[in-house]
Protein backbone atom coordinates (compact mmCIF):
# COMPACT_ATOMS: atom_id res chain seq x y z
CA UNK A 1 28.65 111.51 102.68
CA UNK A 2 27.78 108.70 105.13
CA UNK A 3 25.62 110.86 107.39
CA UNK A 4 22.58 112.99 106.70
CA UNK A 5 23.53 116.47 105.44
CA UNK A 6 23.17 119.30 107.96
CA UNK A 7 22.46 122.99 107.64
CA UNK A 8 26.21 123.57 108.07
CA UNK A 9 26.89 121.42 104.99
CA UNK A 10 24.37 123.45 102.99
CA UNK A 11 25.98 126.71 104.12
CA UNK A 12 29.47 125.51 103.14
CA UNK A 13 28.28 124.26 99.73
CA UNK A 14 26.46 127.54 99.00
CA UNK A 15 29.27 129.72 100.41
CA UNK A 16 26.97 131.51 102.86
CA UNK A 17 26.32 131.58 106.59
CA UNK A 18 24.07 129.18 108.49
CA UNK A 19 21.79 132.07 109.47
CA UNK A 20 21.25 132.94 105.81
CA UNK A 21 20.37 129.31 105.02
CA UNK A 22 17.81 129.47 107.84
CA UNK A 23 16.30 132.61 106.35
CA UNK A 24 15.94 130.92 102.95
CA UNK A 25 14.37 127.81 104.47
CA UNK A 26 11.84 129.98 106.32
CA UNK A 27 10.93 131.80 103.11
CA UNK A 28 12.19 135.19 104.30
CA UNK A 29 11.94 137.91 101.64
CA UNK A 30 15.05 139.92 102.56
CA UNK A 31 17.50 137.43 100.96
CA UNK A 32 19.14 138.52 97.69
CA UNK A 33 18.01 136.41 94.68
CA UNK A 34 21.48 135.09 93.86
CA UNK A 35 22.05 133.96 97.46
CA UNK A 36 18.63 132.29 97.54
CA UNK A 37 19.40 130.42 94.32
CA UNK A 38 22.76 129.26 95.70
CA UNK A 39 21.16 127.91 98.87
CA UNK A 40 18.33 126.19 96.96
CA UNK A 41 20.86 124.56 94.64
CA UNK A 42 22.92 123.33 97.60
CA UNK A 43 19.80 121.92 99.28
CA UNK A 44 18.92 120.06 96.08
CA UNK A 45 22.44 118.73 95.48
CA UNK A 46 22.91 117.50 99.04
CA UNK A 47 19.38 116.19 99.47
CA UNK A 48 19.05 118.19 102.67
CA UNK A 49 15.82 117.86 104.67
CA UNK A 50 15.18 120.20 107.63
CA UNK A 51 14.94 118.59 111.06
CA UNK A 52 11.30 119.21 111.95
CA UNK A 53 11.81 118.56 115.65
CA UNK A 54 14.76 120.95 115.91
CA UNK A 55 12.88 123.62 113.96
CA UNK A 56 9.87 123.24 116.26
CA UNK A 57 12.09 123.78 119.29
CA UNK A 58 13.77 126.86 117.83
CA UNK A 59 10.51 128.42 116.59
CA UNK A 60 8.41 127.18 119.52
CA UNK A 61 5.89 125.92 116.97
CA UNK A 62 5.04 122.41 115.80
CA UNK A 63 3.61 123.55 112.43
CA UNK A 64 0.73 121.13 112.96
CA UNK A 65 -3.01 121.74 113.20
CA UNK A 66 -5.41 119.36 114.91
CA UNK A 67 -8.66 118.66 113.05
CA UNK A 68 -11.49 117.06 115.02
CA UNK A 69 -14.08 115.82 112.53
CA UNK A 70 -17.64 115.04 113.60
CA UNK A 71 -17.91 111.86 111.54
CA UNK A 72 -15.68 110.67 108.71
CA UNK A 73 -18.63 108.80 107.21
CA UNK A 74 -20.31 112.07 106.23
CA UNK A 75 -19.05 112.99 102.73
CA UNK A 76 -19.75 116.72 103.18
CA UNK A 77 -17.30 116.91 106.07
CA UNK A 78 -14.69 115.05 104.01
CA UNK A 79 -15.08 117.53 101.13
CA UNK A 80 -14.76 120.41 103.60
CA UNK A 81 -11.59 118.77 104.88
CA UNK A 82 -10.13 118.83 101.36
CA UNK A 83 -10.46 122.63 101.16
CA UNK A 84 -9.17 123.07 104.70
CA UNK A 85 -6.04 120.93 104.45
CA UNK A 86 -5.02 122.20 101.01
CA UNK A 87 -4.98 125.79 102.28
CA UNK A 88 -3.11 124.88 105.46
CA UNK A 89 -0.51 122.90 103.52
CA UNK A 90 0.09 125.91 101.28
CA UNK A 91 1.12 127.75 104.45
CA UNK A 92 3.50 125.01 105.55
CA UNK A 93 1.21 123.45 108.17
CA UNK A 94 0.46 119.75 108.52
CA UNK A 95 -2.80 118.35 109.84
CA UNK A 96 -3.50 115.68 112.45
CA UNK A 97 -6.98 114.22 112.01
CA UNK A 98 -9.23 112.70 114.66
CA UNK A 99 -12.68 111.19 114.12
CA UNK A 100 -15.24 112.46 116.63
CA UNK A 101 -17.41 109.39 116.04
CA UNK A 102 -14.56 107.13 117.16
CA UNK A 103 -13.85 109.54 119.99
CA UNK A 104 -17.39 108.98 121.34
CA UNK A 105 -17.04 105.20 121.11
CA UNK A 106 -13.73 105.18 122.98
CA UNK A 107 -14.78 107.92 125.42
CA UNK A 108 -11.53 109.81 124.87
CA UNK A 109 -10.99 113.56 124.91
CA UNK A 110 -9.04 114.04 121.69
CA UNK A 111 -8.97 117.81 122.13
CA UNK A 112 -6.75 117.26 125.17
CA UNK A 113 -4.53 114.96 123.10
CA UNK A 114 -4.12 117.74 120.53
CA UNK A 115 -3.23 120.34 123.14
CA UNK A 116 -0.73 117.96 124.74
CA UNK A 117 0.88 117.57 121.31
CA UNK A 118 1.15 121.39 121.27
CA UNK A 119 -0.59 121.86 117.94
CA UNK A 120 -0.47 125.42 116.62
CA UNK A 121 -4.23 125.48 116.12
CA UNK A 122 -7.39 123.41 116.26
CA UNK A 123 -10.35 123.11 113.85
CA UNK A 124 -13.60 121.53 115.03
CA UNK A 125 -15.57 120.32 112.00
CA UNK A 126 -19.28 119.63 112.52
CA UNK A 127 -21.29 119.41 115.73
CA UNK A 128 -19.30 117.57 118.39
CA UNK A 129 -20.63 115.81 121.46
CA UNK A 130 -18.66 117.63 124.19
CA UNK A 131 -18.69 121.43 123.87
CA UNK A 132 -17.09 121.66 127.30
CA UNK A 133 -13.92 120.01 125.99
CA UNK A 134 -13.84 122.46 123.08
CA UNK A 135 -14.26 125.38 125.46
CA UNK A 136 -11.28 124.18 127.51
CA UNK A 137 -9.15 123.68 124.38
CA UNK A 138 -10.12 127.13 123.03
CA UNK A 139 -8.58 128.68 126.13
CA UNK A 140 -5.24 127.06 125.28
CA UNK A 141 -4.88 127.10 121.51
CA UNK A 142 -6.27 129.14 118.57
CA UNK A 143 -9.48 127.46 117.34
CA UNK A 144 -12.02 127.69 114.53
CA UNK A 145 -15.39 125.92 114.31
CA UNK A 146 -16.31 124.89 110.75
CA UNK A 147 -19.41 123.47 109.08
CA UNK A 148 -21.74 124.08 112.02
CA UNK A 149 -23.04 126.92 114.17
CA UNK A 150 -22.19 125.58 117.61
CA UNK A 151 -20.72 125.99 120.09
CA UNK A 152 -20.28 129.76 120.22
CA UNK A 153 -17.06 130.36 122.15
CA UNK A 154 -15.19 133.57 123.03
CA UNK A 155 -12.51 134.39 120.46
CA UNK A 156 -13.45 131.45 118.22
CA UNK A 157 -14.53 132.05 114.62
CA UNK A 158 -17.43 130.06 113.16
CA UNK A 159 -17.29 129.36 109.42
CA UNK A 160 -20.31 127.67 107.84
CA UNK A 161 -22.82 127.76 105.03
CA UNK A 162 -25.88 130.03 105.20
CA UNK A 163 -28.29 127.27 106.22
CA UNK A 164 -31.38 129.44 106.38
CA UNK A 165 -30.83 130.73 102.84
CA UNK A 166 -30.09 127.23 101.55
CA UNK A 167 -33.30 125.83 103.02
CA UNK A 168 -35.21 128.74 101.53
CA UNK A 169 -33.77 128.01 98.07
CA UNK A 170 -34.81 124.36 98.30
CA UNK A 171 -38.34 125.10 99.52
CA UNK A 172 -38.99 127.89 97.02
CA UNK A 173 -37.79 125.63 94.21
CA UNK A 174 -40.41 123.02 95.10
CA UNK A 175 -43.18 125.62 95.48
CA UNK A 176 -42.17 127.14 92.15
CA UNK A 177 -42.66 123.75 90.48
CA UNK A 178 -46.26 123.72 91.74
CA UNK A 179 -45.95 121.58 94.88
CA UNK A 180 -48.18 122.47 97.81
CA UNK A 181 -48.00 119.56 100.25
CA UNK A 182 -44.30 119.52 101.06
CA UNK A 183 -42.46 117.67 103.82
CA UNK A 184 -39.09 118.31 105.45
CA UNK A 185 -36.93 115.55 106.92
CA UNK A 186 -35.24 117.55 109.66
CA UNK A 187 -31.77 117.32 111.15
CA UNK A 188 -30.60 118.00 114.68
CA UNK A 189 -28.68 120.73 116.44
CA UNK A 190 -28.41 124.39 115.52
CA UNK A 191 -28.01 123.69 111.80
CA UNK A 192 -31.05 121.41 111.78
CA UNK A 193 -33.12 124.07 113.54
CA UNK A 194 -32.05 126.79 111.09
CA UNK A 195 -33.08 124.71 108.08
CA UNK A 196 -36.35 123.56 109.66
CA UNK A 197 -37.31 127.11 110.65
CA UNK A 198 -36.53 128.50 107.19
CA UNK A 199 -38.60 125.75 105.56
CA UNK A 200 -41.60 126.58 107.78
CA UNK A 201 -41.22 130.33 107.15
CA UNK A 202 -41.23 129.94 103.38
CA UNK A 203 -44.28 127.68 103.50
CA UNK A 204 -46.15 130.27 105.61
CA UNK A 205 -45.10 133.09 103.31
CA UNK A 206 -46.77 131.25 100.42
CA UNK A 207 -49.91 130.50 102.40
CA UNK A 208 -48.97 126.83 102.74
CA UNK A 209 -48.32 126.63 106.47
CA UNK A 210 -51.08 124.03 106.97
CA UNK A 211 -49.56 121.86 104.21
CA UNK A 212 -46.04 121.80 105.73
CA UNK A 213 -44.97 118.50 107.26
CA UNK A 214 -41.87 117.95 109.39
CA UNK A 215 -40.48 114.51 110.22
CA UNK A 216 -37.39 114.15 112.39
CA UNK A 217 -34.38 112.36 110.91
CA UNK A 218 -30.89 111.62 112.21
CA UNK A 219 -28.59 112.65 109.30
CA UNK A 220 -28.10 109.04 108.13
CA UNK A 221 -29.43 107.06 105.18
CA UNK A 222 -31.34 104.78 107.54
CA UNK A 223 -32.81 107.81 109.30
CA UNK A 224 -33.94 109.28 105.98
CA UNK A 225 -35.49 105.95 104.99
CA UNK A 226 -37.44 105.60 108.24
CA UNK A 227 -38.60 109.22 108.17
CA UNK A 228 -39.90 108.74 104.61
CA UNK A 229 -41.72 105.56 105.62
CA UNK A 230 -43.41 107.45 108.47
CA UNK A 231 -44.41 110.33 106.17
CA UNK A 232 -45.97 107.98 103.63
CA UNK A 233 -47.66 105.86 106.29
CA UNK A 234 -49.21 108.86 108.05
CA UNK A 235 -51.21 109.92 104.96
CA UNK A 236 -54.86 108.94 105.35
CA UNK A 237 -55.28 108.74 101.56
CA UNK A 238 -52.92 108.93 98.57
CA UNK A 239 -54.23 112.45 97.97
CA UNK A 240 -52.85 113.56 101.35
CA UNK A 241 -49.39 112.20 100.67
CA UNK A 242 -46.63 114.81 100.28
CA UNK A 243 -45.74 115.40 96.64
CA UNK A 244 -42.29 116.73 97.53
CA UNK A 245 -39.72 116.24 100.29
CA UNK A 246 -36.79 118.43 101.26
CA UNK A 247 -34.26 116.37 103.23
CA UNK A 248 -31.70 117.70 105.70
CA UNK A 249 -28.77 116.30 103.73
CA UNK A 250 -27.92 114.15 100.71
CA UNK A 251 -27.47 111.01 102.79
CA UNK A 252 -30.98 111.28 104.27
CA UNK A 253 -32.29 112.07 100.79
CA UNK A 254 -30.86 108.81 99.45
CA UNK A 255 -32.69 106.94 102.22
CA UNK A 256 -35.92 108.77 101.38
CA UNK A 257 -35.46 107.87 97.71
CA UNK A 258 -35.11 104.18 98.58
CA UNK A 259 -38.27 104.23 100.71
CA UNK A 260 -40.27 105.99 97.99
CA UNK A 261 -39.19 103.55 95.29
CA UNK A 262 -39.96 100.55 97.52
CA UNK A 263 -43.56 101.76 97.82
CA UNK A 264 -43.88 102.07 94.05
CA UNK A 265 -43.53 105.84 93.81
CA UNK A 266 -41.61 107.15 90.83
CA UNK A 267 -39.20 110.05 91.32
CA UNK A 268 -39.82 112.75 90.22
CA UNK A 269 -43.16 111.87 88.57
CA UNK A 270 -44.91 110.92 91.83
CA UNK A 271 -42.56 112.51 94.35
CA UNK A 272 -39.92 115.22 94.10
CA UNK A 273 -36.87 115.08 96.37
CA UNK A 274 -34.28 117.73 97.30
CA UNK A 275 -31.13 116.96 99.28
CA UNK A 276 -28.56 119.27 100.84
CA UNK A 277 -24.75 119.59 100.60
CA UNK A 278 -24.10 118.64 96.93
CA UNK A 279 -21.84 115.77 97.97
CA UNK A 280 -20.48 113.22 95.53
CA UNK A 281 -23.56 111.09 96.30
CA UNK A 282 -25.84 113.63 94.66
CA UNK A 283 -23.71 113.53 91.51
CA UNK A 284 -23.86 109.75 91.06
CA UNK A 285 -25.67 109.18 87.77
CA UNK A 286 -28.18 106.67 89.11
CA UNK A 287 -29.15 109.12 91.90
CA UNK A 288 -28.64 112.56 90.28
CA UNK A 289 -30.17 114.44 93.19
CA UNK A 290 -31.40 117.99 93.12
CA UNK A 291 -29.58 119.49 96.09
CA UNK A 292 -28.26 122.64 97.74
CA UNK A 293 -24.54 123.25 97.29
CA UNK A 294 -23.37 124.43 100.70
CA UNK A 295 -19.84 125.32 99.55
CA UNK A 296 -17.94 122.60 101.42
CA UNK A 297 -14.57 123.38 99.85
CA UNK A 298 -15.00 127.12 100.29
CA UNK A 299 -16.03 126.68 103.93
CA UNK A 300 -12.86 124.64 104.47
CA UNK A 301 -10.62 127.22 102.80
CA UNK A 302 -12.21 130.08 104.75
CA UNK A 303 -11.80 128.15 108.00
CA UNK A 304 -8.11 127.67 107.21
CA UNK A 305 -7.67 131.40 106.54
CA UNK A 306 -9.39 132.26 109.81
CA UNK A 307 -7.18 129.86 111.73
CA UNK A 308 -4.02 131.29 110.16
CA UNK A 309 -5.17 134.76 111.20
CA UNK A 310 -5.91 133.52 114.73
CA UNK A 311 -2.47 131.93 115.00
CA UNK A 312 -0.86 135.22 113.96
CA UNK A 313 -3.18 137.41 116.09
CA UNK A 314 -4.98 135.33 118.75
CA UNK A 315 -6.90 138.23 120.32
CA UNK A 316 -10.23 139.53 119.09
CA UNK A 317 -13.92 138.69 119.14
CA UNK A 318 -15.18 135.56 117.45
CA UNK A 319 -16.63 136.08 113.97
CA UNK A 320 -19.47 134.38 112.09
CA UNK A 321 -18.53 133.88 108.43
CA UNK A 322 -21.14 132.38 106.10
CA UNK A 323 -20.68 130.95 102.62
CA UNK A 324 -23.53 131.60 100.16
CA UNK A 325 -25.32 128.39 99.02
CA UNK A 326 -26.74 127.72 95.57
CA UNK A 327 -29.31 125.29 94.22
CA UNK A 328 -28.22 122.47 91.89
CA UNK A 329 -31.24 121.26 89.93
CA UNK A 330 -30.88 117.69 88.68
CA UNK A 331 -33.17 114.74 88.13
CA UNK A 332 -35.18 114.28 91.32
CA UNK A 333 -37.50 117.30 91.09
CA UNK A 334 -40.32 118.08 88.71
CA UNK A 335 -43.90 119.32 88.62
CA UNK A 336 -46.51 117.38 90.67
CA UNK A 337 -47.85 114.35 88.83
CA UNK A 338 -45.30 114.76 86.05
CA UNK A 339 -47.22 117.69 84.57
């Protein structure tokens, strides 16, 4: 056959109607097993591939989902993306990915690009710079916010980790090891505030409010490094130095580790460090960070399920769905002074 096989060719080869072939290709359950097998065999023999554009026109769906990612350089977002896309692909949806960091540099509204492409749904991953653009897009297409707690939009589900509980696990771990003077390298936005507040609450609960130190970071390795330098430089004497640091994320924790080692501190003998997110960085053998697993893959899968539900039934109030974190104890935490 010199031309590409059509659905009519499949129907003739299988001895069925074109409408029945369409039902099989859509995965309809009402087709008899022997007819389904005949159609599948004909598809395989002819090498038939459905015309995606024609199917989109007939179904009035593109079977694509737009994913706007805060920053591709953050490994936690990438691991969330793995859980998200695998679940969407299982449902026959393809993803179009846009990097919010590049979006800010080019000053483009990629949410509008997605809506112009008529995507079936949109997932905003991480805190994005222009909540107004997301609000506009949410009025046009089913949307889910994943991996952050903002913005809160009508009819938009938020799927994230339980940041307050995760910060509590990290802080209580350090207190349980015997640390008293503990610092937190804080993040920004709603997630950063949740973790900072939980850290301060736990310290107060244990009578250590006056020993709690907070230094602002910016979610990057360089930000973690500079925050650690400031914490160490602010101590009037070595005795007033923090003996433990809980960082906003693994990337900032790596920066803090570099700063500590440059000043001659040994981890964990002289300084204990806890990261957050349990990214691949924390599992590198020469780092081996104690960290909080924030369930990146599970957050992605749950976000995909929410979006599929929103596509099927767009109406309804927005939901907040939290994934339970857990502490992963590795090689960067120990008792103060190596006791």
